[in-house]
Amino acid sequence: MEVGRPPPDAARLPNRWNELCRIDLTPHHSPSLWKLKNAESLLDFVLPRLQLQLAVIFLVTQSLYLLFKRFNFSRIVSEILAGVILGPTILGAIFPNFTKTLFPAEGDIYLELLAKIGFMFFMFLIGVKMDPCLIVKSGKKAWFIGASATFIPTIIALGISPLIDLVGFNEIPAVKSVIAIQTLTPFPVIACLLIDLEIMNSELGRLALASALVRELLGTAVSTGFTLLKVIVQVSPGMGGQTLFLCLALVLAIVFLGHPVFLWIISQTQEGKPVKGVYIAFILFAVLLSAIISENLGLLYHFGPFILGLTVPDGPPLGSTLVERLDTFIYGLFAPVLLTFCGMKSNLLVVYNLKFMGTLWIVILASALVKFTANLFPALLCKLPVKDAFTLALIMSTQGIVELARFLTQWENMHRH
C-alpha cells in the first residue's frame, strides 16, 4: 500500500462501514543525528517528535501558569490557553508550517493516547484522595443539594431534548452532547477547585465537597441507567441485563477484592517504612486492568480506575505513598497534555455557522443558569446565608478537566461517524 493513498475495501473493518484500518508507516526511532539530512527531518520520526511535543507543552503551560499565578488564575486556564496558542488559532495561523511540522494530524493519536492514560491515572488519584465515608457522614444538606443538582438539570434536559429535534439543525447531536455534558458536576473538578482556592477544610468547602460526592454517586447511577436503557432498546433486553450484571460485578469485584488486598499491603508494610515498589507496580497494573474492563463493558474508561481509587485507604502508608509518587507526574505532565490537546483541537478563528453558534451559546448559557439555580435554591432552602448559598452554587457550577475529556470523546465519536 502506498503512503497517502486510501486503503482498499479489504482494509475496511468488518461490520464498521465508516471506519478504515489504517497503516502507519512512519518510523518510530531516529537513526541518529549523524544520518539525518537536516534538523527538520528529525521530526519525521514518531518518538523524537513526541518527546519534543511534550517538552514544548510542558514549557508553555508552566510559563503561562507562572505568569497567571499572581492573578490567582486556576492552572487549567494556562493549560487550555497553551493549547490555543500552539493550535491553529494563534501559532497555526501565524506560522502554518510550525503546526504542520511539530503537531501533524497523523501524530495526534500518540499525543491523545498519552493524554487519556494521564486522565485515567488522574481519576484514580482523585479517588485515592477521596474519603468514601464522607457520603455516610454527609448531613441532610449535602444529600438535598446533591440530589437537586443531579435530578433537576437531568429532568429539564430530558424535557427539552425532543424540542431540539424540531429546530432542524444538522448539528443536533452536538447540541444534545453539550446539554448532557453541561448537566455534569464532577467531584474531581470540585475537589481540584477547592484545593486551588484553599478552602477545602472550611465549612463551606466541606459542604461543597460532600454535595459534589453525593452528586457524583447519583449521577453515576443515572448515567449507568441510561446506558443500560439504551442497550435494552437498541439491542435486546437480554443484553441489557447482561450489561447490568457485568457492571455490578465489576464494582463489587473492585470493592470486595481490591480493598482487602490494599489492607493486606498495609499490613505487610512496617511502621515508618515506605511501601515496597512491587506493590505500587501491582496497583498501577490494576488501574490499567480496571480501565480495560470498563471500556469493554461500554462504560467510560476512567470509571474503573476511579472506583479502584476509592477503595484505597486514605492516609499513610499506602494512600499517601501513591499520592507522593504519582501526584507531581500526573498533575505536572499528563493532565496538562489532555487540557492542552483539547485546546489545540479548537480553532477560534473559524465560525462556519453563525446561526448554529448562536444557538449553541444560548444552550450553554441556559444550561449553566439551570445548573446554578438547581444548586442555589436548595442551598437557600437549607437556610444557608445568601452569600454562602451563592458561593456554593458557583462552586458546584464549575467545569474542568472531566467535562473537557467528555467533550473530546464526543468530538471523536462525531468525527468517526
Protein backbone atom coordinates (compact mmCIF):
# COMPACT_ATOMS: atom_id res chain seq x y z
CA MET A 1 0.00 0.00 0.00
CA GLU A 2 1.37 3.40 -0.96
CA VAL A 3 1.68 6.04 1.70
CA GLY A 4 -1.00 8.71 1.40
CA ARG A 5 -3.43 6.55 -0.56
CA PRO A 6 -6.70 5.35 1.00
CA PRO A 7 -6.68 1.68 1.92
CA PRO A 8 -8.53 -0.78 -0.31
CA ASP A 9 -12.00 -2.07 0.55
CA ALA A 10 -10.43 -5.18 2.05
CA ALA A 11 -8.93 -2.98 4.73
CA ARG A 12 -12.33 -1.89 5.95
CA LEU A 13 -13.17 -3.16 9.40
CA PRO A 14 -15.89 -5.84 9.39
CA ASN A 15 -19.37 -4.50 10.14
CA ARG A 16 -17.93 -0.97 10.50
CA TRP A 17 -18.72 0.69 7.17
CA ASN A 18 -17.40 4.09 8.14
CA GLU A 19 -14.09 3.03 9.67
CA LEU A 20 -10.91 2.08 7.89
CA CYS A 21 -7.97 0.03 9.02
CA ARG A 22 -5.07 2.43 8.56
CA ILE A 23 -1.41 1.54 8.41
CA ASP A 24 1.07 3.96 9.94
CA LEU A 25 4.34 3.58 8.06
CA THR A 26 6.10 6.41 9.95
CA PRO A 27 9.34 5.14 11.55
CA HIS A 28 9.33 5.43 15.33
CA HIS A 29 13.04 5.85 16.06
CA SER A 30 15.53 8.28 14.57
CA PRO A 31 18.67 6.72 13.03
CA SER A 32 20.73 9.41 14.92
CA LEU A 33 21.67 12.99 14.10
CA TRP A 34 24.65 11.93 12.00
CA LYS A 35 22.46 10.16 9.44
CA LEU A 36 19.79 12.85 9.07
CA LYS A 37 19.70 15.16 6.07
CA ASN A 38 18.76 18.18 8.20
CA ALA A 39 17.46 19.04 11.65
CA GLU A 40 13.83 19.27 10.47
CA SER A 41 13.84 15.66 9.30
CA LEU A 42 14.23 14.63 12.96
CA LEU A 43 10.51 15.36 13.35
CA ASP A 44 9.67 12.80 10.68
CA PHE A 45 10.14 10.12 13.34
CA VAL A 46 7.43 9.43 15.91
CA LEU A 47 9.43 9.19 19.14
CA PRO A 48 11.62 12.34 18.78
CA ARG A 49 8.57 14.30 17.64
CA LEU A 50 6.50 13.11 20.62
CA GLN A 51 9.31 13.96 23.04
CA LEU A 52 9.62 17.45 21.58
CA GLN A 53 5.83 17.89 21.72
CA LEU A 54 5.79 17.03 25.43
CA ALA A 55 8.71 19.37 26.10
CA VAL A 56 7.02 22.27 24.28
CA ILE A 57 3.68 21.65 26.02
CA PHE A 58 5.39 21.49 29.42
CA LEU A 59 7.38 24.68 28.76
CA VAL A 60 4.39 26.70 27.53
CA THR A 61 1.95 25.51 30.22
CA GLN A 62 4.38 26.12 33.08
CA SER A 63 5.37 29.55 31.73
CA LEU A 64 1.73 30.61 31.47
CA TYR A 65 0.98 29.19 34.92
CA LEU A 66 3.80 31.21 36.49
CA LEU A 67 2.53 34.28 34.65
CA PHE A 68 -1.12 33.90 35.70
CA LYS A 69 -0.42 32.60 39.20
CA ARG A 70 -0.03 36.11 40.57
CA PHE A 71 -3.56 36.88 39.34
CA ASN A 72 -4.92 33.80 41.17
CA PHE A 73 -5.96 32.10 37.92
CA SER A 74 -6.51 28.35 38.09
CA ARG A 75 -3.90 26.09 36.50
CA ILE A 76 -6.47 24.84 33.99
CA VAL A 77 -6.62 28.31 32.39
CA SER A 78 -2.93 28.26 31.50
CA GLU A 79 -3.13 24.68 30.20
CA ILE A 80 -6.09 25.33 27.89
CA LEU A 81 -4.60 28.64 26.74
CA ALA A 82 -1.36 26.81 25.91
CA GLY A 83 -3.35 24.60 23.53
CA VAL A 84 -4.99 27.63 21.94
CA ILE A 85 -1.55 29.21 21.43
CA LEU A 86 0.04 26.05 19.99
CA GLY A 87 -3.02 25.19 17.88
CA PRO A 88 -4.46 26.65 14.67
CA THR A 89 -5.86 29.72 16.43
CA ILE A 90 -2.55 31.55 17.03
CA LEU A 91 0.73 29.89 16.03
CA GLY A 92 -1.01 27.73 13.43
CA ALA A 93 -2.43 30.86 11.82
CA ILE A 94 0.76 32.92 12.04
CA PHE A 95 3.22 30.10 11.25
CA PRO A 96 1.28 27.35 9.42
CA ASN A 97 4.40 25.25 8.91
CA PHE A 98 5.02 25.21 12.66
CA THR A 99 1.82 23.31 13.42
CA LYS A 100 2.15 21.03 10.41
CA THR A 101 5.73 20.14 11.35
CA LEU A 102 5.57 19.83 15.14
CA PHE A 103 1.92 18.78 15.54
CA PRO A 104 0.93 16.94 12.33
CA ALA A 105 -2.51 15.35 12.19
CA GLU A 106 -1.08 11.84 11.86
CA GLY A 107 0.74 12.27 15.18
CA ASP A 108 -2.40 13.13 17.15
CA ILE A 109 -3.04 9.50 18.03
CA TYR A 110 0.13 9.26 20.14
CA LEU A 111 -0.45 12.54 21.98
CA GLU A 112 -4.09 11.64 22.54
CA LEU A 113 -3.14 8.22 23.88
CA LEU A 114 -0.80 9.77 26.44
CA ALA A 115 -3.47 12.31 27.36
CA LYS A 116 -6.07 9.61 28.01
CA ILE A 117 -3.65 7.47 30.01
CA GLY A 118 -2.85 10.53 32.09
CA PHE A 119 -6.56 11.27 32.62
CA MET A 120 -7.13 7.67 33.68
CA PHE A 121 -4.46 7.92 36.39
CA PHE A 122 -5.72 11.40 37.28
CA MET A 123 -9.15 9.94 38.09
CA PHE A 124 -7.52 7.13 40.08
CA LEU A 125 -5.52 9.67 42.07
CA ILE A 126 -8.64 11.73 42.77
CA GLY A 127 -10.30 8.57 44.09
CA VAL A 128 -7.32 7.90 46.34
CA LYS A 129 -7.58 11.40 47.81
CA MET A 130 -11.29 11.00 48.49
CA ASP A 131 -12.84 9.58 51.64
CA PRO A 132 -15.91 7.47 50.69
CA CYS A 133 -17.05 7.67 54.30
CA LEU A 134 -17.82 11.31 53.56
CA ILE A 135 -21.07 10.15 51.94
CA VAL A 136 -22.12 8.40 55.14
CA LYS A 137 -21.07 11.39 57.24
CA SER A 138 -22.83 13.85 54.93
CA GLY A 139 -25.79 15.56 56.52
CA LYS A 140 -29.21 16.21 55.06
CA LYS A 141 -28.00 19.45 53.48
CA ALA A 142 -25.40 17.69 51.31
CA TRP A 143 -27.85 14.99 50.25
CA PHE A 144 -30.57 17.52 49.40
CA ILE A 145 -28.24 19.80 47.43
CA GLY A 146 -26.51 16.87 45.70
CA ALA A 147 -29.82 15.23 44.73
CA SER A 148 -31.23 18.52 43.43
CA ALA A 149 -28.06 19.16 41.40
CA THR A 150 -28.49 15.70 39.86
CA PHE A 151 -32.17 15.38 39.06
CA ILE A 152 -33.30 18.95 38.25
CA PRO A 153 -30.85 19.51 35.33
CA THR A 154 -31.38 15.94 34.11
CA ILE A 155 -35.17 16.26 34.06
CA ILE A 156 -35.03 19.64 32.30
CA ALA A 157 -32.51 18.27 29.75
CA LEU A 158 -34.77 15.30 29.02
CA GLY A 159 -37.73 17.65 28.66
CA ILE A 160 -36.14 19.99 26.11
CA SER A 161 -34.25 17.32 24.18
CA PRO A 162 -37.24 16.43 21.94
CA LEU A 163 -37.79 20.13 21.22
CA ILE A 164 -34.30 20.42 19.74
CA ASP A 165 -35.27 17.96 17.02
CA LEU A 166 -37.84 20.50 15.81
CA VAL A 167 -35.12 23.07 15.10
CA GLY A 168 -33.78 21.14 12.13
CA PHE A 169 -30.03 21.68 12.57
CA ASN A 170 -27.62 19.13 11.16
CA GLU A 171 -25.58 19.68 14.31
CA ILE A 172 -28.35 18.44 16.66
CA PRO A 173 -26.09 15.66 18.08
CA ALA A 174 -23.56 18.34 19.04
CA VAL A 175 -26.23 20.40 20.82
CA LYS A 176 -27.51 17.35 22.70
CA SER A 177 -23.95 16.45 23.72
CA VAL A 178 -23.41 19.96 25.06
CA ILE A 179 -26.63 19.75 27.10
CA ALA A 180 -25.68 16.34 28.51
CA ILE A 181 -22.18 17.46 29.49
CA GLN A 182 -23.40 20.78 30.91
CA THR A 183 -25.55 18.89 33.43
CA LEU A 184 -22.46 17.28 34.99
CA THR A 185 -21.00 18.31 38.34
CA PRO A 186 -17.94 16.04 38.57
CA PHE A 187 -16.47 15.55 42.01
CA PRO A 188 -12.82 15.71 40.77
CA VAL A 189 -13.41 19.18 39.32
CA ILE A 190 -14.96 20.48 42.54
CA ALA A 191 -12.19 18.92 44.64
CA CYS A 192 -9.45 20.49 42.48
CA LEU A 193 -11.14 23.89 42.68
CA LEU A 194 -11.43 23.74 46.47
CA ILE A 195 -7.76 22.79 46.69
CA ASP A 196 -6.79 25.71 44.42
CA LEU A 197 -8.91 28.12 46.48
CA GLU A 198 -7.50 26.67 49.73
CA ILE A 199 -10.98 26.30 51.27
CA MET A 200 -11.10 22.51 51.40
CA ASN A 201 -11.25 22.43 55.20
CA SER A 202 -13.70 25.30 55.62
CA GLU A 203 -17.34 24.63 56.47
CA LEU A 204 -18.46 25.76 53.03
CA GLY A 205 -15.73 23.69 51.37
CA ARG A 206 -16.74 20.54 53.24
CA LEU A 207 -20.40 21.08 52.30
CA ALA A 208 -19.48 21.60 48.63
CA LEU A 209 -17.27 18.51 48.69
CA ALA A 210 -19.96 16.35 50.29
CA SER A 211 -22.64 17.66 47.91
CA ALA A 212 -20.41 17.00 44.90
CA LEU A 213 -19.69 13.49 46.13
CA VAL A 214 -23.42 12.77 46.51
CA ARG A 215 -23.96 14.26 43.04
CA GLU A 216 -21.21 12.02 41.64
CA LEU A 217 -22.77 8.92 43.20
CA LEU A 218 -26.30 9.68 41.99
CA GLY A 219 -25.08 10.92 38.60
CA THR A 220 -23.12 7.73 38.00
CA ALA A 221 -26.21 5.68 38.84
CA VAL A 222 -28.39 7.75 36.48
CA SER A 223 -25.80 7.64 33.68
CA THR A 224 -25.40 3.88 34.03
CA GLY A 225 -29.19 3.51 34.00
CA PHE A 226 -29.48 5.46 30.74
CA THR A 227 -26.69 3.37 29.20
CA LEU A 228 -28.48 0.15 30.14
CA LEU A 229 -31.79 1.50 28.83
CA LYS A 230 -30.11 2.34 25.52
CA VAL A 231 -28.73 -1.20 25.29
CA ILE A 232 -32.16 -2.67 26.07
CA VAL A 233 -33.93 -0.53 23.45
CA GLN A 234 -31.33 -0.70 20.67
CA VAL A 235 -30.02 -4.26 21.18
CA SER A 236 -32.11 -6.55 23.39
CA PRO A 237 -33.39 -6.81 26.98
CA GLY A 238 -31.16 -9.83 27.49
CA MET A 239 -28.08 -7.86 26.52
CA GLY A 240 -29.16 -5.05 28.85
CA GLY A 241 -29.48 -7.46 31.76
CA GLN A 242 -26.09 -8.95 30.94
CA THR A 243 -24.52 -5.49 30.85
CA LEU A 244 -26.09 -4.60 34.21
CA PHE A 245 -24.81 -7.81 35.75
CA LEU A 246 -21.28 -7.26 34.44
CA CYS A 247 -21.20 -3.62 35.63
CA LEU A 248 -22.32 -4.62 39.12
CA ALA A 249 -19.82 -7.48 39.08
CA LEU A 250 -17.01 -5.04 38.20
CA VAL A 251 -17.89 -2.66 41.05
CA LEU A 252 -18.32 -5.48 43.58
CA ALA A 253 -15.07 -7.13 42.47
CA ILE A 254 -13.15 -3.88 42.88
CA VAL A 255 -14.68 -3.18 46.30
CA PHE A 256 -14.57 -6.66 47.83
CA LEU A 257 -11.31 -7.80 46.26
CA GLY A 258 -9.36 -4.58 45.90
CA HIS A 259 -9.94 -3.17 49.38
CA PRO A 260 -8.81 -6.36 51.24
CA VAL A 261 -5.71 -6.50 49.03
CA PHE A 262 -4.88 -2.90 49.90
CA LEU A 263 -5.35 -3.65 53.60
CA TRP A 264 -3.03 -6.64 53.23
CA ILE A 265 -0.40 -4.43 51.57
CA ILE A 266 -0.65 -2.03 54.51
CA SER A 267 -0.23 -4.93 56.96
CA GLN A 268 2.93 -6.01 55.12
CA THR A 269 4.45 -2.53 55.44
CA GLN A 270 6.35 -1.86 58.64
CA GLU A 271 5.51 1.31 60.50
CA GLY A 272 7.68 4.18 59.34
CA LYS A 273 8.83 2.24 56.25
CA PRO A 274 7.80 3.07 52.66
CA VAL A 275 5.52 0.76 50.70
CA LYS A 276 7.53 -1.65 48.54
CA GLY A 277 7.87 -0.79 44.88
CA VAL A 278 6.45 -4.14 43.78
CA TYR A 279 3.16 -3.30 45.50
CA ILE A 280 3.00 0.09 43.80
CA ALA A 281 3.65 -1.57 40.43
CA PHE A 282 0.87 -4.08 41.11
CA ILE A 283 -1.58 -1.27 41.90
CA LEU A 284 -0.68 0.57 38.69
CA PHE A 285 -1.29 -2.66 36.78
CA ALA A 286 -4.69 -2.94 38.49
CA VAL A 287 -5.52 0.60 37.34
CA LEU A 288 -4.82 -0.31 33.71
CA LEU A 289 -6.76 -3.57 34.02
CA SER A 290 -9.81 -1.85 35.50
CA ALA A 291 -9.75 0.68 32.64
CA ILE A 292 -9.65 -2.10 30.03
CA ILE A 293 -12.58 -3.91 31.65
CA SER A 294 -14.60 -0.69 31.98
CA GLU A 295 -14.05 0.18 28.32
CA ASN A 296 -15.12 -3.27 27.16
CA LEU A 297 -18.27 -3.15 29.29
CA GLY A 298 -19.37 0.02 27.50
CA LEU A 299 -18.56 2.28 30.46
CA LEU A 300 -16.24 5.26 30.44
CA TYR A 301 -12.63 4.07 30.51
CA HIS A 302 -11.88 6.04 33.69
CA PHE A 303 -14.82 4.57 35.64
CA GLY A 304 -12.91 1.52 36.89
CA PRO A 305 -9.78 3.45 37.94
CA PHE A 306 -11.91 5.96 39.84
CA ILE A 307 -13.76 3.21 41.77
CA LEU A 308 -10.43 1.48 42.42
CA GLY A 309 -9.01 4.71 43.83
CA LEU A 310 -11.97 5.00 46.19
CA THR A 311 -11.14 1.60 47.72
CA VAL A 312 -7.58 2.64 48.61
CA PRO A 313 -7.40 3.56 52.33
CA ASP A 314 -6.51 7.24 52.51
CA GLY A 315 -3.57 8.50 54.50
CA PRO A 316 -0.31 6.71 55.33
CA PRO A 317 1.20 4.44 54.40
CA LEU A 318 -0.49 3.43 51.12
CA GLY A 319 -2.67 6.38 50.15
CA SER A 320 -0.05 8.99 50.95
CA THR A 321 2.65 6.97 49.14
CA LEU A 322 0.57 6.76 45.95
CA VAL A 323 -0.14 10.49 46.08
CA GLU A 324 3.51 11.29 46.73
CA ARG A 325 4.78 9.17 43.84
CA LEU A 326 2.12 9.99 41.26
CA ASP A 327 0.94 13.50 42.10
CA THR A 328 3.70 15.56 40.50
CA PHE A 329 4.00 13.31 37.46
CA ILE A 330 0.25 13.25 36.76
CA TYR A 331 -0.57 16.88 37.57
CA GLY A 332 2.67 18.24 36.16
CA LEU A 333 2.78 16.38 32.84
CA PHE A 334 -0.10 14.09 31.89
CA ALA A 335 -3.07 16.24 32.95
CA PRO A 336 -1.70 19.32 31.11
CA VAL A 337 -1.29 17.17 27.98
CA LEU A 338 -5.02 16.41 27.92
CA LEU A 339 -6.08 20.02 28.50
CA THR A 340 -3.57 21.38 26.01
CA PHE A 341 -4.60 18.78 23.44
CA CYS A 342 -8.23 19.88 23.82
CA GLY A 343 -7.17 23.49 23.32
CA MET A 344 -5.23 22.54 20.19
CA LYS A 345 -8.31 20.91 18.67
CA SER A 346 -10.22 24.21 18.78
CA ASN A 347 -9.91 26.91 16.16
CA LEU A 348 -11.38 30.16 17.43
CA LEU A 349 -10.83 31.85 14.07
CA VAL A 350 -13.34 29.62 12.30
CA VAL A 351 -17.01 30.39 12.84
CA TYR A 352 -18.58 28.50 9.98
CA ASN A 353 -22.25 28.73 11.02
CA LEU A 354 -23.28 31.84 12.93
CA LYS A 355 -26.85 30.60 13.40
CA PHE A 356 -25.67 27.35 14.93
CA MET A 357 -23.06 29.09 17.09
CA GLY A 358 -25.73 31.45 18.39
CA THR A 359 -27.96 28.52 19.26
CA LEU A 360 -25.04 26.79 20.94
CA TRP A 361 -24.28 29.84 23.09
CA ILE A 362 -27.92 30.04 24.13
CA VAL A 363 -27.87 26.35 25.07
CA ILE A 364 -24.64 26.77 27.08
CA LEU A 365 -25.88 29.85 28.95
CA ALA A 366 -29.29 28.28 29.63
CA SER A 367 -27.67 25.07 30.86
CA ALA A 368 -25.32 27.00 33.14
CA LEU A 369 -28.25 29.02 34.52
CA VAL A 370 -30.28 25.86 35.20
CA LYS A 371 -27.35 24.19 36.96
CA PHE A 372 -26.64 27.31 39.02
CA THR A 373 -30.30 27.62 40.03
CA ALA A 374 -30.51 23.90 40.85
CA ASN A 375 -27.77 24.46 43.43
CA LEU A 376 -28.76 27.92 44.67
CA PHE A 377 -32.38 27.36 45.69
CA PRO A 378 -31.76 24.08 47.56
CA ALA A 379 -28.95 25.83 49.45
CA LEU A 380 -31.32 28.67 50.37
CA LEU A 381 -33.97 26.16 51.44
CA CYS A 382 -31.33 24.64 53.74
CA LYS A 383 -31.17 28.10 55.38
CA LEU A 384 -27.64 28.92 54.25
CA PRO A 385 -26.79 32.63 54.20
CA VAL A 386 -27.39 34.19 50.80
CA LYS A 387 -23.67 34.86 50.29
CA ASP A 388 -22.72 31.26 51.15
CA ALA A 389 -25.53 29.85 49.01
CA PHE A 390 -24.43 31.99 46.05
CA THR A 391 -20.80 30.92 46.51
CA LEU A 392 -21.77 27.26 46.83
CA ALA A 393 -23.82 27.45 43.62
CA LEU A 394 -20.86 28.98 41.78
CA ILE A 395 -18.54 26.25 43.06
CA MET A 396 -20.98 23.49 42.09
CA SER A 397 -21.36 25.02 38.60
CA THR A 398 -17.63 24.88 37.90
CA GLN A 399 -16.36 22.98 34.87
CA GLY A 400 -12.93 21.48 34.35
CA ILE A 401 -10.88 18.59 33.08
CA VAL A 402 -13.66 15.99 33.29
CA GLU A 403 -16.01 17.97 31.04
CA LEU A 404 -13.19 18.64 28.58
CA ALA A 405 -12.41 14.92 28.44
CA ARG A 406 -16.08 14.21 27.73
CA PHE A 407 -16.18 16.90 25.03
CA LEU A 408 -13.07 15.37 23.45
CA THR A 409 -14.68 11.91 23.45
CA GLN A 410 -17.88 13.27 21.88
CA TRP A 411 -15.85 15.18 19.28
CA GLU A 412 -14.00 11.99 18.35
CA ASN A 413 -17.23 9.99 18.10
CA MET A 414 -18.85 12.56 15.81
CA HIS A 415 -15.81 12.76 13.53
CA ARG A 416 -15.56 8.97 13.47
CA HIS A 417 -19.14 8.59 12.34
